[in-house]
Amino acid sequence: MNATLAIDNLSRAEQLHLLQTLVDRLYPESKPEKEEAFPDWVMKELEEQDVRVKTGLEKSEPWEVVRERLDREFLR
């Protein structure tokens, strides 16, 4: 298939959309690492929770158990 012929059959709006799609794929925006990571306060809370679980101050339950309890409390 001739790509030029296919592009010629597109409306101006479709051509602009195609151009934007090509630019986005050729030059993707890189996200700063800070945006991809969890916020510091979340990481701190998870670390503190891990310590509480390891020292026996807090208990951890399997997801299936928690899910069943939540289903009983909120879906009935």
PDB file of N, CA and C in Angstrom:
ATOM      1  N   MET A   1       0.847  -1.173   0.000  1.00  0.00           N
ATOM      2  CA  MET A   1       0.000   0.000   0.000  1.00  0.00           C
ATOM      3  C   MET A   1       0.893   1.236   0.000  1.00  0.00           C
ATOM      4  N   ASN A   2       0.540   2.195  -0.758  1.00  0.00           N
ATOM      5  CA  ASN A   2       1.282   3.438  -0.819  1.00  0.00           C
ATOM      6  C   ASN A   2       0.828   4.337   0.326  1.00  0.00           C
ATOM      7  N   ALA A   3       1.742   4.632   1.256  1.00  0.00           N
ATOM      8  CA  ALA A   3       1.393   5.420   2.439  1.00  0.00           C
ATOM      9  C   ALA A   3       0.935   6.823   2.071  1.00  0.00           C
ATOM     10  N   THR A   4       1.553   7.420   1.053  1.00  0.00           N
ATOM     11  CA  THR A   4       1.176   8.768   0.641  1.00  0.00           C
ATOM     12  C   THR A   4      -0.259   8.795   0.160  1.00  0.00           C
ATOM     13  N   LEU A   5      -0.639   7.810  -0.621  1.00  0.00           N
ATOM     14  CA  LEU A   5      -2.006   7.728  -1.127  1.00  0.00           C
ATOM     15  C   LEU A   5      -2.990   7.577   0.028  1.00  0.00           C
ATOM     16  N   ALA A   6      -2.631   6.750   1.029  1.00  0.00           N
ATOM     17  CA  ALA A   6      -3.514   6.551   2.181  1.00  0.00           C
ATOM     18  C   ALA A   6      -3.657   7.853   2.965  1.00  0.00           C
ATOM     19  N   ILE A   7      -2.572   8.592   3.135  1.00  0.00           N
ATOM     20  CA  ILE A   7      -2.614   9.853   3.882  1.00  0.00           C
ATOM     21  C   ILE A   7      -3.425  10.891   3.123  1.00  0.00           C
ATOM     22  N   ASP A   8      -3.303  10.894   1.809  1.00  0.00           N
ATOM     23  CA  ASP A   8      -4.056  11.854   1.001  1.00  0.00           C
ATOM     24  C   ASP A   8      -5.559  11.666   1.142  1.00  0.00           C
ATOM     25  N   ASN A   9      -5.980  10.473   1.480  1.00  0.00           N
ATOM     26  CA  ASN A   9      -7.411  10.193   1.612  1.00  0.00           C
ATOM     27  C   ASN A   9      -7.963  10.585   2.987  1.00  0.00           C
ATOM     28  N   LEU A  10      -7.099  10.998   3.891  1.00  0.00           N
ATOM     29  CA  LEU A  10      -7.533  11.400   5.229  1.00  0.00           C
ATOM     30  C   LEU A  10      -7.931  12.870   5.231  1.00  0.00           C
ATOM     31  N   SER A  11      -8.854  13.204   6.123  1.00  0.00           N
ATOM     32  CA  SER A  11      -9.213  14.615   6.300  1.00  0.00           C
ATOM     33  C   SER A  11      -8.053  15.334   6.983  1.00  0.00           C
ATOM     34  N   ARG A  12      -8.103  16.647   6.983  1.00  0.00           N
ATOM     35  CA  ARG A  12      -7.048  17.424   7.645  1.00  0.00           C
ATOM     36  C   ARG A  12      -6.979  17.066   9.132  1.00  0.00           C
ATOM     37  N   ALA A  13      -8.114  16.927   9.786  1.00  0.00           N
ATOM     38  CA  ALA A  13      -8.134  16.572  11.206  1.00  0.00           C
ATOM     39  C   ALA A  13      -7.507  15.198  11.424  1.00  0.00           C
ATOM     40  N   GLU A  14      -7.802  14.250  10.561  1.00  0.00           N
ATOM     41  CA  GLU A  14      -7.228  12.903  10.685  1.00  0.00           C
ATOM     42  C   GLU A  14      -5.715  12.930  10.450  1.00  0.00           C
ATOM     43  N   GLN A  15      -5.275  13.759   9.504  1.00  0.00           N
ATOM     44  CA  GLN A  15      -3.846  13.885   9.243  1.00  0.00           C
ATOM     45  C   GLN A  15      -3.125  14.479  10.456  1.00  0.00           C
ATOM     46  N   LEU A  16      -3.726  15.496  11.065  1.00  0.00           N
ATOM     47  CA  LEU A  16      -3.124  16.098  12.256  1.00  0.00           C
ATOM     48  C   LEU A  16      -3.062  15.103  13.400  1.00  0.00           C
ATOM     49  N   HIS A  17      -4.119  14.320  13.547  1.00  0.00           N
ATOM     50  CA  HIS A  17      -4.140  13.290  14.594  1.00  0.00           C
ATOM     51  C   HIS A  17      -3.046  12.257  14.330  1.00  0.00           C
ATOM     52  N   LEU A  18      -2.901  11.850  13.093  1.00  0.00           N
ATOM     53  CA  LEU A  18      -1.861  10.893  12.716  1.00  0.00           C
ATOM     54  C   LEU A  18      -0.480  11.472  13.011  1.00  0.00           C
ATOM     55  N   LEU A  19      -0.268  12.738  12.650  1.00  0.00           N
ATOM     56  CA  LEU A  19       1.000  13.391  12.906  1.00  0.00           C
ATOM     57  C   LEU A  19       1.308  13.436  14.400  1.00  0.00           C
ATOM     58  N   GLN A  20       0.305  13.792  15.205  1.00  0.00           N
ATOM     59  CA  GLN A  20       0.506  13.845  16.655  1.00  0.00           C
ATOM     60  C   GLN A  20       0.839  12.468  17.207  1.00  0.00           C
ATOM     61  N   THR A  21       0.171  11.439  16.707  1.00  0.00           N
ATOM     62  CA  THR A  21       0.443  10.068  17.149  1.00  0.00           C
ATOM     63  C   THR A  21       1.873   9.666  16.815  1.00  0.00           C
ATOM     64  N   LEU A  22       2.325  10.012  15.611  1.00  0.00           N
ATOM     65  CA  LEU A  22       3.698   9.691  15.212  1.00  0.00           C
ATOM     66  C   LEU A  22       4.714  10.422  16.091  1.00  0.00           C
ATOM     67  N   VAL A  23       4.484  11.690  16.345  1.00  0.00           N
ATOM     68  CA  VAL A  23       5.393  12.460  17.190  1.00  0.00           C
ATOM     69  C   VAL A  23       5.433  11.867  18.595  1.00  0.00           C
ATOM     70  N   ASP A  24       4.259  11.525  19.138  1.00  0.00           N
ATOM     71  CA  ASP A  24       4.197  10.944  20.483  1.00  0.00           C
ATOM     72  C   ASP A  24       4.972   9.634  20.566  1.00  0.00           C
ATOM     73  N   ARG A  25       4.904   8.845  19.510  1.00  0.00           N
ATOM     74  CA  ARG A  25       5.608   7.557  19.531  1.00  0.00           C
ATOM     75  C   ARG A  25       7.099   7.711  19.283  1.00  0.00           C
ATOM     76  N   LEU A  26       7.472   8.664  18.446  1.00  0.00           N
ATOM     77  CA  LEU A  26       8.888   8.867  18.154  1.00  0.00           C
ATOM     78  C   LEU A  26       9.604   9.604  19.277  1.00  0.00           C
ATOM     79  N   TYR A  27       8.903  10.507  19.939  1.00  0.00           N
ATOM     80  CA  TYR A  27       9.500  11.321  21.000  1.00  0.00           C
ATOM     81  C   TYR A  27       8.622  11.300  22.245  1.00  0.00           C
ATOM     82  N   PRO A  28       8.545  10.147  22.890  1.00  0.00           N
ATOM     83  CA  PRO A  28       7.684  10.074  24.083  1.00  0.00           C
ATOM     84  C   PRO A  28       8.235  10.977  25.184  1.00  0.00           C
ATOM     85  N   GLU A  29       7.311  11.564  25.919  1.00  0.00           N
ATOM     86  CA  GLU A  29       7.715  12.400  27.048  1.00  0.00           C
ATOM     87  C   GLU A  29       8.178  11.504  28.172  1.00  0.00           C
ATOM     88  N   SER A  30       9.342  11.796  28.680  1.00  0.00           N
ATOM     89  CA  SER A  30       9.806  11.015  29.817  1.00  0.00           C
ATOM     90  C   SER A  30       9.290  11.675  31.083  1.00  0.00           C
ATOM     91  N   LYS A  31       8.800  10.852  31.983  1.00  0.00           N
ATOM     92  CA  LYS A  31       8.287  11.349  33.253  1.00  0.00           C
ATOM     93  C   LYS A  31       9.440  11.426  34.240  1.00  0.00           C
ATOM     94  N   PRO A  32       9.503  12.487  34.993  1.00  0.00           N
ATOM     95  CA  PRO A  32      10.549  12.540  36.028  1.00  0.00           C
ATOM     96  C   PRO A  32      10.380  11.366  36.990  1.00  0.00           C
ATOM     97  N   GLU A  33      11.502  10.843  37.456  1.00  0.00           N
ATOM     98  CA  GLU A  33      11.459   9.683  38.355  1.00  0.00           C
ATOM     99  C   GLU A  33      10.624   9.954  39.592  1.00  0.00           C
ATOM    100  N   LYS A  34      10.649  11.180  40.064  1.00  0.00           N
ATOM    101  CA  LYS A  34       9.906  11.530  41.275  1.00  0.00           C
ATOM    102  C   LYS A  34       8.411  11.288  41.091  1.00  0.00           C
ATOM    103  N   GLU A  35       7.876  11.535  39.879  1.00  0.00           N
ATOM    104  CA  GLU A  35       6.448  11.329  39.635  1.00  0.00           C
ATOM    105  C   GLU A  35       6.091   9.850  39.583  1.00  0.00           C
ATOM    106  N   GLU A  36       7.034   9.022  39.169  1.00  0.00           N
ATOM    107  CA  GLU A  36       6.754   7.597  39.030  1.00  0.00           C
ATOM    108  C   GLU A  36       6.823   6.868  40.370  1.00  0.00           C
ATOM    109  N   ALA A  37       7.574   7.406  41.308  1.00  0.00           N
ATOM    110  CA  ALA A  37       7.752   6.755  42.600  1.00  0.00           C
ATOM    111  C   ALA A  37       6.609   7.143  43.535  1.00  0.00           C
ATOM    112  N   PHE A  38       6.466   6.356  44.591  1.00  0.00           N
ATOM    113  CA  PHE A  38       5.488   6.692  45.617  1.00  0.00           C
ATOM    114  C   PHE A  38       5.984   7.923  46.375  1.00  0.00           C
ATOM    115  N   PRO A  39       5.075   8.726  46.877  1.00  0.00           N
ATOM    116  CA  PRO A  39       5.498   9.873  47.694  1.00  0.00           C
ATOM    117  C   PRO A  39       6.267   9.392  48.919  1.00  0.00           C
ATOM    118  N   ASP A  40       7.145  10.257  49.419  1.00  0.00           N
ATOM    119  CA  ASP A  40       7.977   9.900  50.578  1.00  0.00           C
ATOM    120  C   ASP A  40       7.143   9.478  51.784  1.00  0.00           C
ATOM    121  N   TRP A  41       6.023  10.165  52.029  1.00  0.00           N
ATOM    122  CA  TRP A  41       5.225   9.842  53.213  1.00  0.00           C
ATOM    123  C   TRP A  41       4.630   8.444  53.114  1.00  0.00           C
ATOM    124  N   VAL A  42       4.327   7.991  51.904  1.00  0.00           N
ATOM    125  CA  VAL A  42       3.780   6.636  51.725  1.00  0.00           C
ATOM    126  C   VAL A  42       4.875   5.609  52.032  1.00  0.00           C
ATOM    127  N   MET A  43       6.062   5.848  51.510  1.00  0.00           N
ATOM    128  CA  MET A  43       7.158   4.917  51.755  1.00  0.00           C
ATOM    129  C   MET A  43       7.497   4.844  53.242  1.00  0.00           C
ATOM    130  N   LYS A  44       7.482   6.002  53.914  1.00  0.00           N
ATOM    131  CA  LYS A  44       7.767   6.027  55.354  1.00  0.00           C
ATOM    132  C   LYS A  44       6.716   5.232  56.127  1.00  0.00           C
ATOM    133  N   GLU A  45       5.458   5.414  55.779  1.00  0.00           N
ATOM    134  CA  GLU A  45       4.380   4.685  56.459  1.00  0.00           C
ATOM    135  C   GLU A  45       4.511   3.181  56.224  1.00  0.00           C
ATOM    136  N   LEU A  46       4.843   2.783  55.003  1.00  0.00           N
ATOM    137  CA  LEU A  46       5.010   1.352  54.715  1.00  0.00           C
ATOM    138  C   LEU A  46       6.174   0.760  55.501  1.00  0.00           C
ATOM    139  N   GLU A  47       7.260   1.504  55.604  1.00  0.00           N
ATOM    140  CA  GLU A  47       8.407   1.031  56.387  1.00  0.00           C
ATOM    141  C   GLU A  47       8.039   0.891  57.866  1.00  0.00           C
ATOM    142  N   GLU A  48       7.321   1.875  58.398  1.00  0.00           N
ATOM    143  CA  GLU A  48       6.896   1.808  59.799  1.00  0.00           C
ATOM    144  C   GLU A  48       5.934   0.642  60.029  1.00  0.00           C
ATOM    145  N   GLN A  49       5.045   0.423  59.083  1.00  0.00           N
ATOM    146  CA  GLN A  49       4.107  -0.689  59.199  1.00  0.00           C
ATOM    147  C   GLN A  49       4.860  -2.016  59.168  1.00  0.00           C
ATOM    148  N   ASP A  50       5.860  -2.118  58.307  1.00  0.00           N
ATOM    149  CA  ASP A  50       6.660  -3.341  58.222  1.00  0.00           C
ATOM    150  C   ASP A  50       7.341  -3.634  59.552  1.00  0.00           C
ATOM    151  N   VAL A  51       7.864  -2.610  60.199  1.00  0.00           N
ATOM    152  CA  VAL A  51       8.502  -2.777  61.510  1.00  0.00           C
ATOM    153  C   VAL A  51       7.473  -3.239  62.536  1.00  0.00           C
ATOM    154  N   ARG A  52       6.275  -2.635  62.525  1.00  0.00           N
ATOM    155  CA  ARG A  52       5.230  -3.030  63.484  1.00  0.00           C
ATOM    156  C   ARG A  52       4.829  -4.488  63.286  1.00  0.00           C
ATOM    157  N   VAL A  53       4.747  -4.931  62.055  1.00  0.00           N
ATOM    158  CA  VAL A  53       4.386  -6.333  61.782  1.00  0.00           C
ATOM    159  C   VAL A  53       5.503  -7.255  62.265  1.00  0.00           C
ATOM    160  N   LYS A  54       6.748  -6.905  61.963  1.00  0.00           N
ATOM    161  CA  LYS A  54       7.885  -7.755  62.363  1.00  0.00           C
ATOM    162  C   LYS A  54       8.049  -7.847  63.869  1.00  0.00           C
ATOM    163  N   THR A  55       7.695  -6.792  64.593  1.00  0.00           N
ATOM    164  CA  THR A  55       7.845  -6.798  66.057  1.00  0.00           C
ATOM    165  C   THR A  55       6.604  -7.319  66.764  1.00  0.00           C
ATOM    166  N   GLY A  56       5.570  -7.658  65.991  1.00  0.00           N
ATOM    167  CA  GLY A  56       4.366  -8.221  66.587  1.00  0.00           C
ATOM    168  C   GLY A  56       3.362  -7.193  67.084  1.00  0.00           C
ATOM    169  N   LEU A  57       3.604  -5.907  66.841  1.00  0.00           N
ATOM    170  CA  LEU A  57       2.666  -4.877  67.275  1.00  0.00           C
ATOM    171  C   LEU A  57       1.452  -4.784  66.356  1.00  0.00           C
ATOM    172  N   GLU A  58       1.590  -5.318  65.176  1.00  0.00           N
ATOM    173  CA  GLU A  58       0.498  -5.277  64.200  1.00  0.00           C
ATOM    174  C   GLU A  58       0.483  -6.612  63.470  1.00  0.00           C
ATOM    175  N   LYS A  59      -0.714  -7.080  63.145  1.00  0.00           N
ATOM    176  CA  LYS A  59      -0.826  -8.350  62.440  1.00  0.00           C
ATOM    177  C   LYS A  59      -1.150  -8.109  60.977  1.00  0.00           C
ATOM    178  N   SER A  60      -0.687  -9.009  60.166  1.00  0.00           N
ATOM    179  CA  SER A  60      -0.960  -8.960  58.740  1.00  0.00           C
ATOM    180  C   SER A  60      -1.865 -10.128  58.387  1.00  0.00           C
ATOM    181  N   GLU A  61      -2.817  -9.887  57.515  1.00  0.00           N
ATOM    182  CA  GLU A  61      -3.730 -10.950  57.099  1.00  0.00           C
ATOM    183  C   GLU A  61      -3.638 -11.140  55.593  1.00  0.00           C
ATOM    184  N   PRO A  62      -3.841 -12.367  55.140  1.00  0.00           N
ATOM    185  CA  PRO A  62      -3.848 -12.593  53.694  1.00  0.00           C
ATOM    186  C   PRO A  62      -4.994 -11.813  53.031  1.00  0.00           C
ATOM    187  N   TRP A  63      -4.787 -11.401  51.789  1.00  0.00           N
ATOM    188  CA  TRP A  63      -5.778 -10.617  51.059  1.00  0.00           C
ATOM    189  C   TRP A  63      -7.131 -11.316  51.019  1.00  0.00           C
ATOM    190  N   GLU A  64      -7.165 -12.621  50.863  1.00  0.00           N
ATOM    191  CA  GLU A  64      -8.429 -13.348  50.777  1.00  0.00           C
ATOM    192  C   GLU A  64      -9.250 -13.181  52.050  1.00  0.00           C
ATOM    193  N   VAL A  65      -8.585 -13.217  53.199  1.00  0.00           N
ATOM    194  CA  VAL A  65      -9.265 -13.065  54.490  1.00  0.00           C
ATOM    195  C   VAL A  65      -9.834 -11.660  54.621  1.00  0.00           C
ATOM    196  N   VAL A  66      -9.030 -10.667  54.287  1.00  0.00           N
ATOM    197  CA  VAL A  66      -9.479  -9.276  54.362  1.00  0.00           C
ATOM    198  C   VAL A  66     -10.639  -9.044  53.409  1.00  0.00           C
ATOM    199  N   ARG A  67     -10.529  -9.574  52.221  1.00  0.00           N
ATOM    200  CA  ARG A  67     -11.583  -9.402  51.211  1.00  0.00           C
ATOM    201  C   ARG A  67     -12.912  -9.996  51.682  1.00  0.00           C
ATOM    202  N   GLU A  68     -12.857 -11.188  52.247  1.00  0.00           N
ATOM    203  CA  GLU A  68     -14.075 -11.817  52.758  1.00  0.00           C
ATOM    204  C   GLU A  68     -14.704 -10.983  53.869  1.00  0.00           C
ATOM    205  N   ARG A  69     -13.874 -10.463  54.768  1.00  0.00           N
ATOM    206  CA  ARG A  69     -14.386  -9.627  55.860  1.00  0.00           C
ATOM    207  C   ARG A  69     -15.029  -8.348  55.317  1.00  0.00           C
ATOM    208  N   LEU A  70     -14.384  -7.715  54.363  1.00  0.00           N
ATOM    209  CA  LEU A  70     -14.941  -6.501  53.762  1.00  0.00           C
ATOM    210  C   LEU A  70     -16.245  -6.795  53.021  1.00  0.00           C
ATOM    211  N   ASP A  71     -16.288  -7.929  52.347  1.00  0.00           N
ATOM    212  CA  ASP A  71     -17.532  -8.328  51.660  1.00  0.00           C
ATOM    213  C   ASP A  71     -18.669  -8.493  52.654  1.00  0.00           C
ATOM    214  N   ARG A  72     -18.379  -9.148  53.774  1.00  0.00           N
ATOM    215  CA  ARG A  72     -19.414  -9.349  54.792  1.00  0.00           C
ATOM    216  C   ARG A  72     -19.889  -8.019  55.363  1.00  0.00           C
ATOM    217  N   GLU A  73     -18.963  -7.114  55.608  1.00  0.00           N
ATOM    218  CA  GLU A  73     -19.313  -5.833  56.237  1.00  0.00           C
ATOM    219  C   GLU A  73     -20.049  -4.874  55.296  1.00  0.00           C
ATOM    220  N   PHE A  74     -19.646  -4.849  54.046  1.00  0.00           N
ATOM    221  CA  PHE A  74     -20.160  -3.806  53.163  1.00  0.00           C
ATOM    222  C   PHE A  74     -21.080  -4.287  52.035  1.00  0.00           C
ATOM    223  N   LEU A  75     -21.068  -5.557  51.747  1.00  0.00           N
ATOM    224  CA  LEU A  75     -21.879  -6.040  50.622  1.00  0.00           C
ATOM    225  C   LEU A  75     -23.112  -6.807  51.072  1.00  0.00           C
ATOM    226  N   ARG A  76     -23.373  -6.825  52.345  1.00  0.00           N
ATOM    227  CA  ARG A  76     -24.582  -7.515  52.814  1.00  0.00           C
ATOM    228  C   ARG A  76     -25.516  -6.567  53.421  1.00  0.00           C
TER     229      ARG A  76
END
